[in-house]
N, C-alpha and C. Protein backbone atom coordinates (compact mmCIF):
# COMPACT_ATOMS: atom_id res chain seq x y z
N MET A 1 10.51 -0.61 -7.13
CA MET A 1 11.01 -0.59 -5.80
C MET A 1 10.71 0.82 -5.19
N SER A 2 9.73 1.32 -3.97
CA SER A 2 8.89 2.25 -4.07
C SER A 2 10.39 3.12 -3.45
N PRO A 3 9.64 4.77 -3.64
CA PRO A 3 10.44 5.80 -3.37
C PRO A 3 10.82 5.82 -1.55
N GLU A 4 12.06 6.23 -1.49
CA GLU A 4 12.29 6.38 -0.06
C GLU A 4 11.77 7.62 0.50
N ILE A 5 10.76 7.43 1.52
CA ILE A 5 9.67 8.24 2.05
C ILE A 5 10.84 8.60 3.75
N PRO A 6 11.21 9.75 3.86
CA PRO A 6 12.04 10.07 5.25
C PRO A 6 10.98 9.87 6.03
N GLY A 7 11.39 9.75 7.35
CA GLY A 7 10.46 9.42 8.40
C GLY A 7 9.25 8.45 8.49
N GLU A 8 9.36 7.77 7.35
CA GLU A 8 8.28 6.55 6.97
C GLU A 8 8.32 5.42 8.21
N LYS A 9 7.45 5.14 8.54
CA LYS A 9 7.45 3.72 9.30
C LYS A 9 7.90 2.37 8.86
N GLN A 10 8.35 1.47 9.62
CA GLN A 10 9.20 0.30 9.38
C GLN A 10 7.74 -0.19 8.20
N LYS A 11 7.99 -1.54 7.69
CA LYS A 11 7.16 -1.76 6.87
C LYS A 11 5.99 -2.62 7.63
N ASP A 12 6.41 -3.38 9.09
CA ASP A 12 6.02 -4.23 9.50
C ASP A 12 4.95 -3.06 10.50
N GLU A 13 4.94 -1.96 10.51
CA GLU A 13 4.45 -0.72 11.47
C GLU A 13 3.12 -0.20 10.50
N ASP A 14 2.28 -0.15 11.34
CA ASP A 14 1.02 0.24 10.42
C ASP A 14 1.17 1.76 10.84
N PRO A 15 0.84 2.41 9.72
CA PRO A 15 1.00 4.41 9.59
C PRO A 15 -0.05 4.46 10.20
N PHE A 16 -1.04 3.82 9.94
CA PHE A 16 -2.51 4.61 9.99
C PHE A 16 -2.87 4.18 11.65
N PRO A 17 -3.73 5.57 12.13
CA PRO A 17 -3.79 5.05 13.85
C PRO A 17 -5.26 4.10 13.49
N MET A 18 -5.46 3.84 15.06
CA MET A 18 -6.35 3.06 15.06
C MET A 18 -7.66 4.13 14.75
N THR A 19 -8.60 3.96 14.11
CA THR A 19 -9.89 4.30 14.21
C THR A 19 -10.38 4.87 15.30
N ARG A 20 -10.95 6.30 15.33
CA ARG A 20 -11.39 6.96 16.82
C ARG A 20 -12.52 7.18 16.35
N TRP A 21 -14.20 6.40 16.24
CA TRP A 21 -14.98 6.56 15.35
C TRP A 21 -15.95 7.53 15.91
N SER A 22 -15.74 7.48 17.34
CA SER A 22 -16.25 9.05 17.67
C SER A 22 -16.10 10.15 17.07
N ILE A 23 -14.75 10.48 16.97
CA ILE A 23 -14.43 11.49 16.10
C ILE A 23 -14.72 11.66 14.77
N VAL A 24 -15.01 10.30 13.91
CA VAL A 24 -15.44 10.47 12.95
C VAL A 24 -16.64 11.05 12.76
N ALA A 25 -17.87 10.96 13.90
CA ALA A 25 -18.94 11.22 13.94
C ALA A 25 -18.99 12.44 14.19
N GLN A 26 -18.20 12.79 14.96
CA GLN A 26 -18.15 14.45 15.21
C GLN A 26 -17.86 15.24 14.13
N ALA A 27 -16.76 14.69 13.11
CA ALA A 27 -16.76 15.29 12.22
C ALA A 27 -17.76 15.51 10.89
N THR A 28 -18.45 14.28 11.11
CA THR A 28 -19.51 14.08 9.93
C THR A 28 -20.92 14.86 10.23
N ASN A 29 -21.04 15.37 11.75
CA ASN A 29 -22.76 16.03 11.75
C ASN A 29 -22.15 17.76 12.19
N PRO A 30 -22.46 17.80 10.81
CA PRO A 30 -22.27 19.43 10.71
C PRO A 30 -22.71 20.61 11.77
N GLN A 31 -23.75 19.78 12.52
CA GLN A 31 -24.64 20.70 14.10
C GLN A 31 -23.73 20.23 15.17
N SER A 32 -22.64 19.56 15.23
CA SER A 32 -21.58 18.80 16.32
C SER A 32 -21.23 20.40 16.37
N PRO A 33 -21.25 20.95 17.65
CA PRO A 33 -19.93 22.19 17.80
C PRO A 33 -18.40 21.86 17.95
N GLN A 34 -18.16 20.21 17.65
CA GLN A 34 -16.91 19.99 18.10
C GLN A 34 -16.61 19.24 16.73
N ALA A 35 -16.89 19.61 15.52
CA ALA A 35 -17.16 19.17 14.28
C ALA A 35 -15.77 19.71 13.69
N GLN A 36 -15.18 20.64 13.56
CA GLN A 36 -14.16 21.53 13.17
C GLN A 36 -12.84 20.96 13.86
N ALA A 37 -12.77 20.83 15.43
CA ALA A 37 -11.84 20.18 15.94
C ALA A 37 -11.71 18.82 15.62
N ALA A 38 -12.65 18.09 15.42
CA ALA A 38 -12.49 17.06 14.70
C ALA A 38 -11.99 16.43 13.44
N TRP A 39 -12.74 17.60 12.47
CA TRP A 39 -11.85 17.48 11.37
C TRP A 39 -10.55 17.63 11.49
N THR A 40 -9.93 18.56 12.11
CA THR A 40 -8.36 19.02 12.43
C THR A 40 -7.56 17.77 13.10
N THR A 41 -8.34 17.04 14.18
CA THR A 41 -7.89 15.60 14.39
C THR A 41 -7.68 14.33 13.42
N LEU A 42 -8.87 14.76 12.47
CA LEU A 42 -8.61 12.94 11.37
C LEU A 42 -7.67 13.81 10.32
N CYS A 43 -7.35 15.30 10.05
CA CYS A 43 -6.70 15.59 9.15
C CYS A 43 -5.07 15.45 10.09
N ASN A 44 -5.10 15.73 11.02
CA ASN A 44 -3.17 15.54 11.77
C ASN A 44 -3.00 14.24 11.67
N ASP A 45 -4.42 13.12 12.11
CA ASP A 45 -4.13 11.59 12.10
C ASP A 45 -3.71 11.25 10.72
N TYR A 46 -4.04 11.37 9.57
CA TYR A 46 -4.12 10.70 8.21
C TYR A 46 -3.47 11.41 7.32
N TRP A 47 -3.17 12.78 7.76
CA TRP A 47 -2.37 12.89 6.56
C TRP A 47 -1.30 12.20 5.84
N PHE A 48 -0.05 12.23 7.05
CA PHE A 48 1.00 11.30 6.59
C PHE A 48 0.55 10.49 6.23
N PRO A 49 0.07 9.58 6.49
CA PRO A 49 -0.21 7.94 5.77
C PRO A 49 -0.97 8.12 4.68
N LEU A 50 -1.44 8.91 4.21
CA LEU A 50 -2.11 9.09 2.58
C LEU A 50 -0.90 10.01 2.20
N TYR A 51 -0.04 10.80 2.62
CA TYR A 51 0.42 11.35 1.75
C TYR A 51 1.73 10.09 1.43
N ALA A 52 1.82 9.14 2.58
CA ALA A 52 3.01 7.64 2.30
C ALA A 52 2.69 7.27 0.70
N TYR A 53 1.22 6.96 0.89
CA TYR A 53 0.66 6.17 0.19
C TYR A 53 0.77 6.72 -1.61
N ALA A 54 0.73 8.23 -1.73
CA ALA A 54 0.55 9.23 -2.75
C ALA A 54 1.90 8.59 -3.27
N ARG A 55 3.13 9.10 -2.29
CA ARG A 55 4.59 8.70 -2.57
C ARG A 55 5.09 7.55 -2.93
N ARG A 56 4.29 6.86 -2.47
CA ARG A 56 4.91 5.28 -2.83
C ARG A 56 4.45 4.94 -4.32
N LYS A 57 3.09 5.71 -4.56
CA LYS A 57 2.74 5.08 -6.16
C LYS A 57 3.36 5.95 -7.30
N GLY A 58 4.59 6.69 -6.80
CA GLY A 58 5.46 7.66 -7.51
C GLY A 58 5.30 8.97 -7.72
N THR A 59 4.38 9.39 -6.90
CA THR A 59 4.08 10.87 -7.10
C THR A 59 6.01 11.38 -6.03
N SER A 60 5.87 12.80 -6.88
CA SER A 60 6.93 13.68 -6.33
C SER A 60 6.57 14.12 -5.25
N PRO A 61 7.45 14.06 -4.27
CA PRO A 61 7.03 14.84 -2.37
C PRO A 61 6.13 16.27 -2.93
N GLU A 62 6.61 16.97 -3.71
CA GLU A 62 5.61 18.43 -3.50
C GLU A 62 4.26 18.09 -4.46
N ASP A 63 4.09 17.02 -5.31
CA ASP A 63 2.54 16.71 -5.90
C ASP A 63 2.16 15.62 -4.69
N ALA A 64 2.99 15.01 -3.90
CA ALA A 64 1.57 14.26 -2.73
C ALA A 64 1.34 15.48 -2.02
N GLU A 65 2.15 16.30 -1.39
CA GLU A 65 1.46 17.44 -0.70
C GLU A 65 0.45 17.62 -1.29
N ASP A 66 0.53 18.22 -2.82
CA ASP A 66 -0.84 19.02 -2.83
C ASP A 66 -1.62 17.82 -3.15
N VAL A 67 -2.26 17.17 -3.71
CA VAL A 67 -2.68 16.11 -4.06
C VAL A 67 -3.27 15.17 -2.48
N THR A 68 -2.61 15.47 -1.23
CA THR A 68 -3.02 14.63 -0.09
C THR A 68 -3.74 16.13 0.41
N GLN A 69 -3.47 17.21 0.33
CA GLN A 69 -4.09 18.68 0.68
C GLN A 69 -5.55 18.88 -0.11
N SER A 70 -5.44 18.77 -1.08
CA SER A 70 -6.81 18.33 -2.17
C SER A 70 -7.29 17.71 -1.69
N PHE A 71 -7.05 16.23 -1.66
CA PHE A 71 -8.02 15.18 -1.68
C PHE A 71 -8.85 15.57 0.07
N PHE A 72 -7.93 15.87 0.99
CA PHE A 72 -8.86 16.31 2.34
C PHE A 72 -9.75 17.42 1.61
N ALA A 73 -9.64 18.57 1.34
CA ALA A 73 -10.78 19.64 1.08
C ALA A 73 -11.45 18.68 -0.16
N MET A 74 -11.42 18.16 -0.49
CA MET A 74 -12.48 17.58 -1.44
C MET A 74 -13.00 16.66 -0.43
N ILE A 75 -13.01 15.45 0.57
CA ILE A 75 -13.90 14.74 1.57
C ILE A 75 -14.60 15.72 2.59
N ILE A 76 -13.97 17.02 2.66
CA ILE A 76 -14.37 18.02 3.30
C ILE A 76 -16.06 18.77 2.64
N ARG A 77 -15.37 19.17 1.84
CA ARG A 77 -16.48 19.99 1.24
C ARG A 77 -17.66 18.89 0.65
N ARG A 78 -17.25 17.82 0.62
CA ARG A 78 -18.35 16.90 -0.49
C ARG A 78 -19.29 15.80 0.75
N GLU A 79 -18.40 16.39 2.03
CA GLU A 79 -18.88 15.42 3.33
C GLU A 79 -18.91 14.21 3.05
N SER A 80 -18.05 13.51 2.53
CA SER A 80 -18.40 11.98 1.99
C SER A 80 -17.68 11.12 3.13
N LEU A 81 -17.15 11.73 3.87
CA LEU A 81 -16.49 11.03 5.04
C LEU A 81 -17.71 10.54 6.04
N GLY A 82 -19.06 10.89 5.94
CA GLY A 82 -20.16 10.09 6.18
C GLY A 82 -20.26 9.00 5.48
N GLN A 83 -19.81 8.77 4.30
CA GLN A 83 -20.25 6.89 3.75
C GLN A 83 -19.42 6.06 4.43
N ALA A 84 -18.30 6.73 5.23
CA ALA A 84 -17.57 5.37 5.81
C ALA A 84 -18.19 5.01 6.90
N GLU A 85 -18.45 3.50 7.16
CA GLU A 85 -19.45 3.14 8.49
C GLU A 85 -18.29 2.13 9.32
N GLN A 86 -18.25 2.30 10.40
CA GLN A 86 -17.96 1.56 11.17
C GLN A 86 -18.04 0.11 10.77
N SER A 87 -19.25 -0.41 10.86
CA SER A 87 -19.93 -1.70 10.78
C SER A 87 -19.02 -2.70 9.36
N ARG A 88 -18.66 -1.62 8.29
CA ARG A 88 -18.05 -1.86 6.95
C ARG A 88 -16.84 -2.01 6.85
N GLY A 89 -16.08 -1.72 7.86
CA GLY A 89 -14.72 -2.21 7.92
C GLY A 89 -13.87 -0.81 8.21
N ARG A 90 -12.59 -0.92 8.52
CA ARG A 90 -11.54 0.34 8.71
C ARG A 90 -11.37 1.48 7.77
N LEU A 91 -11.63 2.39 8.51
CA LEU A 91 -11.55 3.86 8.00
C LEU A 91 -10.52 3.89 6.77
N ARG A 92 -9.21 3.30 7.60
CA ARG A 92 -8.04 3.62 6.38
C ARG A 92 -8.15 3.03 5.54
N ALA A 93 -9.08 1.94 5.26
CA ALA A 93 -9.44 1.23 3.75
C ALA A 93 -10.56 2.32 3.20
N TYR A 94 -11.30 2.61 3.64
CA TYR A 94 -12.21 3.31 2.93
C TYR A 94 -11.46 4.95 2.77
N LEU A 95 -10.25 5.38 3.16
CA LEU A 95 -9.99 6.64 2.70
C LEU A 95 -8.42 6.28 1.96
N LEU A 96 -8.33 5.16 1.89
CA LEU A 96 -6.86 4.68 0.71
C LEU A 96 -7.68 4.52 -1.02
N SER A 97 -8.88 3.68 -0.47
CA SER A 97 -9.68 3.66 -1.86
C SER A 97 -10.16 4.70 -2.03
N SER A 98 -10.47 5.75 -1.49
CA SER A 98 -11.14 7.22 -1.98
C SER A 98 -9.72 7.53 -2.37
N LEU A 99 -8.65 8.01 -1.76
CA LEU A 99 -7.52 8.28 -2.06
C LEU A 99 -7.03 7.90 -3.53
N LYS A 100 -7.13 6.76 -4.14
CA LYS A 100 -6.83 5.58 -4.93
C LYS A 100 -7.76 6.36 -6.40
N ASN A 101 -9.07 6.69 -6.14
CA ASN A 101 -9.92 6.83 -7.15
C ASN A 101 -9.70 8.53 -7.07
N PHE A 102 -8.98 9.17 -6.13
CA PHE A 102 -9.05 10.50 -6.26
C PHE A 102 -7.75 11.10 -6.95
N MET A 103 -6.37 10.44 -6.93
CA MET A 103 -5.61 10.11 -7.61
C MET A 103 -6.05 9.86 -9.31
N ILE A 104 -6.68 8.77 -9.35
CA ILE A 104 -6.90 8.30 -10.78
C ILE A 104 -7.94 9.43 -11.41
N SER A 105 -8.39 10.01 -10.83
CA SER A 105 -9.36 11.19 -11.70
C SER A 105 -8.67 12.60 -12.02
N GLU A 106 -8.11 12.71 -10.98
CA GLU A 106 -7.42 14.31 -10.60
C GLU A 106 -5.75 14.60 -10.97
N VAL A 107 -5.15 13.40 -10.64
CA VAL A 107 -3.57 13.72 -11.21
C VAL A 107 -3.32 12.53 -12.41
N PRO A 108 -2.92 13.73 -13.46
CA PRO A 108 -2.41 13.14 -14.77
C PRO A 108 -1.30 12.19 -14.29
N PRO A 109 -1.29 11.76 -15.61
CA PRO A 109 -0.15 10.65 -15.45
C PRO A 109 1.36 11.21 -15.45
N ASN A 110 2.35 10.51 -15.11
CA ASN A 110 3.72 11.28 -15.04
C ASN A 110 4.27 11.15 -16.34
């Protein structure tokens, strides 16, 4: 059974926001004057759903916060969000897959 996550939406609701690809494009374009604001928007929109995923995988609240923050720092530093393409599917699938791989490589098992 998954740990209870305070404030988590019901199972039939999708906690991920609808992808705004224009914001993704701004965030992944370092020449864009809106890049920093776009990253702020993406981090605000996707932080909780990714945190909730980490919690459902059994990570403590504190460790889930750290993992989520470290994950965002990594994708910003590596500029890996540019690999997400609208034609290949939803951004949430890319983020979840990336977070899963990040947790496997960066988070020691309990």
